[in-house]
Amino acid sequence: MRIEILGSGCANCKLLAERTAEAARELGLEANISKVTDYQDIVSRGVMSTPGLVVDGVVKSQGQVPSVVAIQRMLGCSRAEQG
Protein backbone atom coordinates (compact mmCIF):
# COMPACT_ATOMS: atom_id res chain seq x y z
CA MET A 1 0.00 0.00 0.00
CA ARG A 2 1.35 3.40 -0.99
CA ILE A 3 0.35 6.30 1.24
CA GLU A 4 1.29 9.93 0.67
CA ILE A 5 0.92 12.89 2.99
CA LEU A 6 0.59 16.11 0.99
CA GLY A 7 1.57 19.39 2.60
CA SER A 8 4.23 21.90 3.48
CA GLY A 9 5.36 20.16 6.64
CA CYS A 10 3.16 22.22 8.98
CA ALA A 11 1.96 20.93 12.35
CA ASN A 12 -1.24 19.48 10.84
CA CYS A 13 0.76 17.69 8.13
CA LYS A 14 3.01 16.14 10.76
CA LEU A 15 0.00 15.13 12.86
CA LEU A 16 -1.65 13.49 9.83
CA ALA A 17 1.57 11.57 9.12
CA GLU A 18 1.71 10.37 12.74
CA ARG A 19 -1.94 9.30 12.81
CA THR A 20 -1.62 7.57 9.45
CA ALA A 21 1.42 5.60 10.60
CA GLU A 22 -0.43 4.63 13.78
CA ALA A 23 -3.51 3.54 11.81
CA ALA A 24 -1.45 1.37 9.46
CA ARG A 25 0.56 -0.11 12.34
CA GLU A 26 -2.57 -0.97 14.35
CA LEU A 27 -4.06 -2.68 11.30
CA GLY A 28 -0.86 -4.58 10.61
CA LEU A 29 -0.62 -3.14 7.10
CA GLU A 30 2.57 -2.94 5.12
CA ALA A 31 2.53 0.64 3.96
CA ASN A 32 5.07 2.90 2.32
CA ILE A 33 4.32 6.35 3.76
CA SER A 34 5.95 9.30 2.03
CA LYS A 35 5.61 13.07 2.24
CA VAL A 36 4.98 15.29 -0.78
CA THR A 37 5.86 18.93 -0.20
CA ASP A 38 6.13 20.27 -3.78
CA TYR A 39 3.26 22.72 -4.26
CA GLN A 40 2.85 22.03 -7.98
CA ASP A 41 2.70 18.27 -7.34
CA ILE A 42 0.07 18.77 -4.63
CA VAL A 43 -2.10 21.01 -6.80
CA SER A 44 -1.77 18.69 -9.81
CA ARG A 45 -3.56 16.03 -7.75
CA GLY A 46 -6.52 18.34 -7.21
CA VAL A 47 -5.69 19.06 -3.57
CA MET A 48 -6.33 22.72 -2.80
CA SER A 49 -6.23 22.48 0.99
CA THR A 50 -3.58 20.66 2.97
CA PRO A 51 -2.87 18.37 4.59
CA GLY A 52 -3.90 15.77 2.07
CA LEU A 53 -3.99 12.00 2.39
CA VAL A 54 -3.52 9.91 -0.75
CA VAL A 55 -3.85 6.12 -0.70
CA ASP A 56 -2.69 4.20 -3.77
CA GLY A 57 -3.09 7.31 -5.92
CA VAL A 58 -6.58 8.22 -4.67
CA VAL A 59 -7.14 11.38 -2.62
CA LYS A 60 -8.93 10.26 0.54
CA SER A 61 -8.83 13.45 2.60
CA GLN A 62 -7.81 17.09 2.30
CA GLY A 63 -7.85 20.13 4.53
CA GLN A 64 -8.33 18.19 7.76
CA VAL A 65 -6.67 15.76 10.14
CA PRO A 66 -8.97 12.74 10.51
CA SER A 67 -8.90 10.54 13.60
CA VAL A 68 -6.92 7.29 13.59
CA VAL A 69 -10.18 5.31 13.27
CA ALA A 70 -11.30 7.44 10.31
CA ILE A 71 -7.94 6.90 8.63
CA GLN A 72 -8.28 3.15 9.19
CA ARG A 73 -11.58 3.28 7.33
CA MET A 74 -9.89 5.18 4.51
CA LEU A 75 -7.26 2.48 4.34
CA GLY A 76 -10.07 0.01 3.69
CA CYS A 77 -10.08 -1.63 7.09
CA SER A 78 -11.56 -1.14 10.52
CA ARG A 79 -10.83 -2.54 13.93
CA ALA A 80 -14.05 -4.55 13.73
CA GLU A 81 -12.75 -6.30 10.61
CA GLN A 82 -9.52 -7.18 12.41
CA GLY A 83 -11.15 -8.98 15.32
PDB file of N, CA and C in Angstrom:
ATOM      1  N   MET A   1       0.849  -1.169   0.000  1.00  0.00           N
ATOM      2  CA  MET A   1       0.000   0.000   0.000  1.00  0.00           C
ATOM      3  C   MET A   1       0.895   1.232   0.000  1.00  0.00           C
ATOM      4  N   ARG A   2       0.582   2.166  -0.874  1.00  0.00           N
ATOM      5  CA  ARG A   2       1.353   3.399  -0.988  1.00  0.00           C
ATOM      6  C   ARG A   2       0.524   4.549  -0.424  1.00  0.00           C
ATOM      7  N   ILE A   3       1.053   5.203   0.588  1.00  0.00           N
ATOM      8  CA  ILE A   3       0.353   6.301   1.244  1.00  0.00           C
ATOM      9  C   ILE A   3       1.217   7.550   1.145  1.00  0.00           C
ATOM     10  N   GLU A   4       0.580   8.660   0.768  1.00  0.00           N
ATOM     11  CA  GLU A   4       1.295   9.927   0.667  1.00  0.00           C
ATOM     12  C   GLU A   4       0.597  10.980   1.521  1.00  0.00           C
ATOM     13  N   ILE A   5       1.401  11.756   2.221  1.00  0.00           N
ATOM     14  CA  ILE A   5       0.922  12.894   2.990  1.00  0.00           C
ATOM     15  C   ILE A   5       1.318  14.134   2.200  1.00  0.00           C
ATOM     16  N   LEU A   6       0.328  14.918   1.789  1.00  0.00           N
ATOM     17  CA  LEU A   6       0.593  16.109   0.990  1.00  0.00           C
ATOM     18  C   LEU A   6       0.519  17.352   1.867  1.00  0.00           C
ATOM     19  N   GLY A   7       1.572  18.159   1.831  1.00  0.00           N
ATOM     20  CA  GLY A   7       1.566  19.393   2.601  1.00  0.00           C
ATOM     21  C   GLY A   7       2.948  19.968   2.767  1.00  0.00           C
ATOM     22  N   SER A   8       2.980  21.139   3.350  1.00  0.00           N
ATOM     23  CA  SER A   8       4.227  21.897   3.480  1.00  0.00           C
ATOM     24  C   SER A   8       5.123  21.426   4.622  1.00  0.00           C
ATOM     25  N   GLY A   9       4.598  20.582   5.476  1.00  0.00           N
ATOM     26  CA  GLY A   9       5.360  20.164   6.644  1.00  0.00           C
ATOM     27  C   GLY A   9       4.893  20.880   7.901  1.00  0.00           C
ATOM     28  N   CYS A  10       3.719  21.504   7.829  1.00  0.00           N
ATOM     29  CA  CYS A  10       3.160  22.219   8.978  1.00  0.00           C
ATOM     30  C   CYS A  10       2.770  21.235  10.090  1.00  0.00           C
ATOM     31  N   ALA A  11       2.333  21.758  11.200  1.00  0.00           N
ATOM     32  CA  ALA A  11       1.959  20.930  12.347  1.00  0.00           C
ATOM     33  C   ALA A  11       0.855  19.938  11.990  1.00  0.00           C
ATOM     34  N   ASN A  12      -0.150  20.383  11.224  1.00  0.00           N
ATOM     35  CA  ASN A  12      -1.235  19.475  10.838  1.00  0.00           C
ATOM     36  C   ASN A  12      -0.742  18.372   9.898  1.00  0.00           C
ATOM     37  N   CYS A  13       0.196  18.700   9.033  1.00  0.00           N
ATOM     38  CA  CYS A  13       0.763  17.693   8.128  1.00  0.00           C
ATOM     39  C   CYS A  13       1.511  16.629   8.935  1.00  0.00           C
ATOM     40  N   LYS A  14       2.267  17.067   9.912  1.00  0.00           N
ATOM     41  CA  LYS A  14       3.006  16.136  10.764  1.00  0.00           C
ATOM     42  C   LYS A  14       2.048  15.273  11.571  1.00  0.00           C
ATOM     43  N   LEU A  15       0.980  15.874  12.089  1.00  0.00           N
ATOM     44  CA  LEU A  15      -0.005  15.125  12.859  1.00  0.00           C
ATOM     45  C   LEU A  15      -0.694  14.082  11.984  1.00  0.00           C
ATOM     46  N   LEU A  16      -1.036  14.451  10.746  1.00  0.00           N
ATOM     47  CA  LEU A  16      -1.652  13.493   9.831  1.00  0.00           C
ATOM     48  C   LEU A  16      -0.696  12.333   9.554  1.00  0.00           C
ATOM     49  N   ALA A  17       0.577  12.623   9.368  1.00  0.00           N
ATOM     50  CA  ALA A  17       1.567  11.570   9.125  1.00  0.00           C
ATOM     51  C   ALA A  17       1.650  10.624  10.323  1.00  0.00           C
ATOM     52  N   GLU A  18       1.648  11.185  11.533  1.00  0.00           N
ATOM     53  CA  GLU A  18       1.710  10.366  12.743  1.00  0.00           C
ATOM     54  C   GLU A  18       0.470   9.484  12.881  1.00  0.00           C
ATOM     55  N   ARG A  19      -0.697  10.072  12.681  1.00  0.00           N
ATOM     56  CA  ARG A  19      -1.941   9.303  12.806  1.00  0.00           C
ATOM     57  C   ARG A  19      -2.039   8.226  11.723  1.00  0.00           C
ATOM     58  N   THR A  20      -1.575   8.542  10.535  1.00  0.00           N
ATOM     59  CA  THR A  20      -1.623   7.567   9.445  1.00  0.00           C
ATOM     60  C   THR A  20      -0.701   6.391   9.742  1.00  0.00           C
ATOM     61  N   ALA A  21       0.487   6.677  10.232  1.00  0.00           N
ATOM     62  CA  ALA A  21       1.422   5.601  10.598  1.00  0.00           C
ATOM     63  C   ALA A  21       0.834   4.736  11.707  1.00  0.00           C
ATOM     64  N   GLU A  22       0.202   5.371  12.685  1.00  0.00           N
ATOM     65  CA  GLU A  22      -0.435   4.634  13.780  1.00  0.00           C
ATOM     66  C   GLU A  22      -1.570   3.757  13.254  1.00  0.00           C
ATOM     67  N   ALA A  23      -2.392   4.293  12.372  1.00  0.00           N
ATOM     68  CA  ALA A  23      -3.513   3.541  11.809  1.00  0.00           C
ATOM     69  C   ALA A  23      -3.013   2.314  11.054  1.00  0.00           C
ATOM     70  N   ALA A  24      -2.003   2.486  10.228  1.00  0.00           N
ATOM     71  CA  ALA A  24      -1.453   1.365   9.459  1.00  0.00           C
ATOM     72  C   ALA A  24      -0.828   0.329  10.382  1.00  0.00           C
ATOM     73  N   ARG A  25      -0.092   0.800  11.377  1.00  0.00           N
ATOM     74  CA  ARG A  25       0.561  -0.107  12.337  1.00  0.00           C
ATOM     75  C   ARG A  25      -0.474  -0.920  13.097  1.00  0.00           C
ATOM     76  N   GLU A  26      -1.535  -0.268  13.588  1.00  0.00           N
ATOM     77  CA  GLU A  26      -2.571  -0.969  14.350  1.00  0.00           C
ATOM     78  C   GLU A  26      -3.297  -2.014  13.499  1.00  0.00           C
ATOM     79  N   LEU A  27      -3.388  -1.740  12.200  1.00  0.00           N
ATOM     80  CA  LEU A  27      -4.060  -2.676  11.296  1.00  0.00           C
ATOM     81  C   LEU A  27      -3.114  -3.753  10.775  1.00  0.00           C
ATOM     82  N   GLY A  28      -1.828  -3.605  11.075  1.00  0.00           N
ATOM     83  CA  GLY A  28      -0.855  -4.580  10.605  1.00  0.00           C
ATOM     84  C   GLY A  28      -0.612  -4.503   9.107  1.00  0.00           C
ATOM     85  N   LEU A  29      -0.789  -3.314   8.535  1.00  0.00           N
ATOM     86  CA  LEU A  29      -0.620  -3.137   7.099  1.00  0.00           C
ATOM     87  C   LEU A  29       0.828  -2.804   6.755  1.00  0.00           C
ATOM     88  N   GLU A  30       1.285  -3.345   5.651  1.00  0.00           N
ATOM     89  CA  GLU A  30       2.572  -2.936   5.119  1.00  0.00           C
ATOM     90  C   GLU A  30       2.316  -1.726   4.252  1.00  0.00           C
ATOM     91  N   ALA A  31       2.811  -0.597   4.685  1.00  0.00           N
ATOM     92  CA  ALA A  31       2.534   0.641   3.962  1.00  0.00           C
ATOM     93  C   ALA A  31       3.815   1.435   3.788  1.00  0.00           C
ATOM     94  N   ASN A  32       3.976   1.987   2.612  1.00  0.00           N
ATOM     95  CA  ASN A  32       5.068   2.895   2.324  1.00  0.00           C
ATOM     96  C   ASN A  32       4.499   4.304   2.441  1.00  0.00           C
ATOM     97  N   ILE A  33       4.848   5.000   3.518  1.00  0.00           N
ATOM     98  CA  ILE A  33       4.322   6.349   3.760  1.00  0.00           C
ATOM     99  C   ILE A  33       5.390   7.366   3.373  1.00  0.00           C
ATOM    100  N   SER A  34       5.019   8.260   2.453  1.00  0.00           N
ATOM    101  CA  SER A  34       5.953   9.301   2.032  1.00  0.00           C
ATOM    102  C   SER A  34       5.280  10.664   2.137  1.00  0.00           C
ATOM    103  N   LYS A  35       6.108  11.699   2.145  1.00  0.00           N
ATOM    104  CA  LYS A  35       5.606  13.067   2.239  1.00  0.00           C
ATOM    105  C   LYS A  35       5.871  13.776   0.921  1.00  0.00           C
ATOM    106  N   VAL A  36       4.867  14.496   0.453  1.00  0.00           N
ATOM    107  CA  VAL A  36       4.979  15.289  -0.779  1.00  0.00           C
ATOM    108  C   VAL A  36       4.831  16.746  -0.375  1.00  0.00           C
ATOM    109  N   THR A  37       5.877  17.534  -0.616  1.00  0.00           N
ATOM    110  CA  THR A  37       5.858  18.931  -0.203  1.00  0.00           C
ATOM    111  C   THR A  37       5.873  19.902  -1.379  1.00  0.00           C
ATOM    112  N   ASP A  38       6.080  19.404  -2.598  1.00  0.00           N
ATOM    113  CA  ASP A  38       6.126  20.266  -3.778  1.00  0.00           C
ATOM    114  C   ASP A  38       4.726  20.780  -4.100  1.00  0.00           C
ATOM    115  N   TYR A  39       4.567  22.096  -4.065  1.00  0.00           N
ATOM    116  CA  TYR A  39       3.255  22.722  -4.257  1.00  0.00           C
ATOM    117  C   TYR A  39       2.622  22.334  -5.596  1.00  0.00           C
ATOM    118  N   GLN A  40       3.393  22.362  -6.658  1.00  0.00           N
ATOM    119  CA  GLN A  40       2.855  22.030  -7.980  1.00  0.00           C
ATOM    120  C   GLN A  40       2.369  20.580  -8.027  1.00  0.00           C
ATOM    121  N   ASP A  41       3.096  19.682  -7.393  1.00  0.00           N
ATOM    122  CA  ASP A  41       2.704  18.271  -7.341  1.00  0.00           C
ATOM    123  C   ASP A  41       1.400  18.118  -6.563  1.00  0.00           C
ATOM    124  N   ILE A  42       1.279  18.833  -5.459  1.00  0.00           N
ATOM    125  CA  ILE A  42       0.073  18.766  -4.635  1.00  0.00           C
ATOM    126  C   ILE A  42      -1.135  19.269  -5.422  1.00  0.00           C
ATOM    127  N   VAL A  43      -1.001  20.420  -6.044  1.00  0.00           N
ATOM    128  CA  VAL A  43      -2.103  21.013  -6.804  1.00  0.00           C
ATOM    129  C   VAL A  43      -2.473  20.144  -8.007  1.00  0.00           C
ATOM    130  N   SER A  44      -1.493  19.524  -8.638  1.00  0.00           N
ATOM    131  CA  SER A  44      -1.769  18.689  -9.812  1.00  0.00           C
ATOM    132  C   SER A  44      -2.644  17.483  -9.468  1.00  0.00           C
ATOM    133  N   ARG A  45      -2.709  17.140  -8.199  1.00  0.00           N
ATOM    134  CA  ARG A  45      -3.560  16.032  -7.753  1.00  0.00           C
ATOM    135  C   ARG A  45      -4.964  16.499  -7.383  1.00  0.00           C
ATOM    136  N   GLY A  46      -5.207  17.795  -7.518  1.00  0.00           N
ATOM    137  CA  GLY A  46      -6.522  18.335  -7.207  1.00  0.00           C
ATOM    138  C   GLY A  46      -6.696  18.711  -5.747  1.00  0.00           C
ATOM    139  N   VAL A  47      -5.618  18.706  -4.990  1.00  0.00           N
ATOM    140  CA  VAL A  47      -5.686  19.059  -3.567  1.00  0.00           C
ATOM    141  C   VAL A  47      -5.425  20.552  -3.437  1.00  0.00           C
ATOM    142  N   MET A  48      -6.439  21.271  -2.948  1.00  0.00           N
ATOM    143  CA  MET A  48      -6.331  22.717  -2.801  1.00  0.00           C
ATOM    144  C   MET A  48      -6.167  23.139  -1.350  1.00  0.00           C
ATOM    145  N   SER A  49      -6.350  22.197  -0.437  1.00  0.00           N
ATOM    146  CA  SER A  49      -6.230  22.485   0.987  1.00  0.00           C
ATOM    147  C   SER A  49      -5.471  21.345   1.650  1.00  0.00           C
ATOM    148  N   THR A  50      -4.391  21.687   2.324  1.00  0.00           N
ATOM    149  CA  THR A  50      -3.576  20.661   2.972  1.00  0.00           C
ATOM    150  C   THR A  50      -3.882  20.615   4.461  1.00  0.00           C
ATOM    151  N   PRO A  51      -3.570  19.528   5.117  1.00  0.00           N
ATOM    152  CA  PRO A  51      -2.870  18.369   4.588  1.00  0.00           C
ATOM    153  C   PRO A  51      -3.785  17.481   3.759  1.00  0.00           C
ATOM    154  N   GLY A  52      -3.157  16.720   2.877  1.00  0.00           N
ATOM    155  CA  GLY A  52      -3.902  15.769   2.066  1.00  0.00           C
ATOM    156  C   GLY A  52      -3.422  14.358   2.332  1.00  0.00           C
ATOM    157  N   LEU A  53      -4.318  13.416   2.220  1.00  0.00           N
ATOM    158  CA  LEU A  53      -3.991  12.003   2.394  1.00  0.00           C
ATOM    159  C   LEU A  53      -4.335  11.278   1.103  1.00  0.00           C
ATOM    160  N   VAL A  54      -3.346  10.637   0.507  1.00  0.00           N
ATOM    161  CA  VAL A  54      -3.524   9.912  -0.747  1.00  0.00           C
ATOM    162  C   VAL A  54      -3.159   8.454  -0.507  1.00  0.00           C
ATOM    163  N   VAL A  55      -4.069   7.547  -0.871  1.00  0.00           N
ATOM    164  CA  VAL A  55      -3.846   6.116  -0.701  1.00  0.00           C
ATOM    165  C   VAL A  55      -3.901   5.463  -2.071  1.00  0.00           C
ATOM    166  N   ASP A  56      -2.797   4.854  -2.461  1.00  0.00           N
ATOM    167  CA  ASP A  56      -2.694   4.196  -3.767  1.00  0.00           C
ATOM    168  C   ASP A  56      -3.184   5.090  -4.899  1.00  0.00           C
ATOM    169  N   GLY A  57      -2.777   6.372  -4.855  1.00  0.00           N
ATOM    170  CA  GLY A  57      -3.089   7.309  -5.918  1.00  0.00           C
ATOM    171  C   GLY A  57      -4.443   7.984  -5.837  1.00  0.00           C
ATOM    172  N   VAL A  58      -5.242   7.649  -4.823  1.00  0.00           N
ATOM    173  CA  VAL A  58      -6.583   8.218  -4.674  1.00  0.00           C
ATOM    174  C   VAL A  58      -6.604   9.178  -3.482  1.00  0.00           C
ATOM    175  N   VAL A  59      -7.038  10.418  -3.721  1.00  0.00           N
ATOM    176  CA  VAL A  59      -7.140  11.385  -2.623  1.00  0.00           C
ATOM    177  C   VAL A  59      -8.274  10.960  -1.703  1.00  0.00           C
ATOM    178  N   LYS A  60      -7.941  10.710  -0.441  1.00  0.00           N
ATOM    179  CA  LYS A  60      -8.931  10.264   0.539  1.00  0.00           C
ATOM    180  C   LYS A  60      -9.379  11.385   1.470  1.00  0.00           C
ATOM    181  N   SER A  61      -8.512  12.381   1.660  1.00  0.00           N
ATOM    182  CA  SER A  61      -8.826  13.453   2.599  1.00  0.00           C
ATOM    183  C   SER A  61      -7.999  14.676   2.228  1.00  0.00           C
ATOM    184  N   GLN A  62      -8.575  15.861   2.468  1.00  0.00           N
ATOM    185  CA  GLN A  62      -7.810  17.088   2.302  1.00  0.00           C
ATOM    186  C   GLN A  62      -8.364  18.175   3.208  1.00  0.00           C
ATOM    187  N   GLY A  63      -7.455  18.996   3.719  1.00  0.00           N
ATOM    188  CA  GLY A  63      -7.846  20.133   4.535  1.00  0.00           C
ATOM    189  C   GLY A  63      -8.271  19.796   5.948  1.00  0.00           C
ATOM    190  N   GLN A  64      -7.973  18.580   6.395  1.00  0.00           N
ATOM    191  CA  GLN A  64      -8.335  18.190   7.759  1.00  0.00           C
ATOM    192  C   GLN A  64      -7.384  17.104   8.247  1.00  0.00           C
ATOM    193  N   VAL A  65      -7.449  16.840   9.552  1.00  0.00           N
ATOM    194  CA  VAL A  65      -6.667  15.758  10.142  1.00  0.00           C
ATOM    195  C   VAL A  65      -7.659  14.771  10.751  1.00  0.00           C
ATOM    196  N   PRO A  66      -8.015  13.725  10.005  1.00  0.00           N
ATOM    197  CA  PRO A  66      -8.972  12.742  10.515  1.00  0.00           C
ATOM    198  C   PRO A  66      -8.409  11.979  11.709  1.00  0.00           C
ATOM    199  N   SER A  67      -9.317  11.373  12.470  1.00  0.00           N
ATOM    200  CA  SER A  67      -8.904  10.536  13.598  1.00  0.00           C
ATOM    201  C   SER A  67      -8.238   9.269  13.075  1.00  0.00           C
ATOM    202  N   VAL A  68      -7.558   8.557  13.960  1.00  0.00           N
ATOM    203  CA  VAL A  68      -6.919   7.286  13.592  1.00  0.00           C
ATOM    204  C   VAL A  68      -7.962   6.308  13.056  1.00  0.00           C
ATOM    205  N   VAL A  69      -9.114   6.226  13.708  1.00  0.00           N
ATOM    206  CA  VAL A  69     -10.180   5.309  13.269  1.00  0.00           C
ATOM    207  C   VAL A  69     -10.682   5.694  11.881  1.00  0.00           C
ATOM    208  N   ALA A  70     -10.854   6.989  11.629  1.00  0.00           N
ATOM    209  CA  ALA A  70     -11.302   7.442  10.306  1.00  0.00           C
ATOM    210  C   ALA A  70     -10.260   7.096   9.243  1.00  0.00           C
ATOM    211  N   ILE A  71      -9.002   7.242   9.572  1.00  0.00           N
ATOM    212  CA  ILE A  71      -7.940   6.896   8.628  1.00  0.00           C
ATOM    213  C   ILE A  71      -7.953   5.395   8.361  1.00  0.00           C
ATOM    214  N   GLN A  72      -8.186   4.602   9.397  1.00  0.00           N
ATOM    215  CA  GLN A  72      -8.275   3.153   9.189  1.00  0.00           C
ATOM    216  C   GLN A  72      -9.373   2.818   8.196  1.00  0.00           C
ATOM    217  N   ARG A  73     -10.488   3.491   8.296  1.00  0.00           N
ATOM    218  CA  ARG A  73     -11.579   3.278   7.335  1.00  0.00           C
ATOM    219  C   ARG A  73     -11.135   3.658   5.924  1.00  0.00           C
ATOM    220  N   MET A  74     -10.388   4.749   5.818  1.00  0.00           N
ATOM    221  CA  MET A  74      -9.894   5.181   4.509  1.00  0.00           C
ATOM    222  C   MET A  74      -8.908   4.182   3.926  1.00  0.00           C
ATOM    223  N   LEU A  75      -8.214   3.491   4.796  1.00  0.00           N
ATOM    224  CA  LEU A  75      -7.264   2.478   4.343  1.00  0.00           C
ATOM    225  C   LEU A  75      -7.966   1.189   3.954  1.00  0.00           C
ATOM    226  N   GLY A  76      -9.289   1.173   4.122  1.00  0.00           N
ATOM    227  CA  GLY A  76     -10.071   0.013   3.691  1.00  0.00           C
ATOM    228  C   GLY A  76     -10.261  -1.023   4.753  1.00  0.00           C
ATOM    229  N   CYS A  77      -9.963  -0.684   5.985  1.00  0.00           N
ATOM    230  CA  CYS A  77     -10.077  -1.628   7.088  1.00  0.00           C
ATOM    231  C   CYS A  77     -10.681  -0.914   8.293  1.00  0.00           C
ATOM    232  N   SER A  78     -11.123  -1.683   9.233  1.00  0.00           N
ATOM    233  CA  SER A  78     -11.556  -1.136  10.525  1.00  0.00           C
ATOM    234  C   SER A  78     -11.158  -2.103  11.605  1.00  0.00           C
ATOM    235  N   ARG A  79     -11.168  -1.651  12.809  1.00  0.00           N
ATOM    236  CA  ARG A  79     -10.830  -2.538  13.926  1.00  0.00           C
ATOM    237  C   ARG A  79     -11.786  -3.701  14.006  1.00  0.00           C
ATOM    238  N   ALA A  80     -13.043  -3.470  13.669  1.00  0.00           N
ATOM    239  CA  ALA A  80     -14.048  -4.552  13.726  1.00  0.00           C
ATOM    240  C   ALA A  80     -13.680  -5.666  12.747  1.00  0.00           C
ATOM    241  N   GLU A  81     -13.121  -5.299  11.597  1.00  0.00           N
ATOM    242  CA  GLU A  81     -12.746  -6.300  10.614  1.00  0.00           C
ATOM    243  C   GLU A  81     -11.521  -7.101  11.068  1.00  0.00           C
ATOM    244  N   GLN A  82     -10.735  -6.522  11.955  1.00  0.00           N
ATOM    245  CA  GLN A  82      -9.521  -7.177  12.414  1.00  0.00           C
ATOM    246  C   GLN A  82      -9.801  -8.235  13.468  1.00  0.00           C
ATOM    247  N   GLY A  83     -10.897  -8.076  14.217  1.00  0.00           N
ATOM    248  CA  GLY A  83     -11.154  -8.979  15.324  1.00  0.00           C
ATOM    249  C   GLY A  83     -12.272  -9.855  15.053  1.00  0.00           C
TER     250      GLY A  83
END
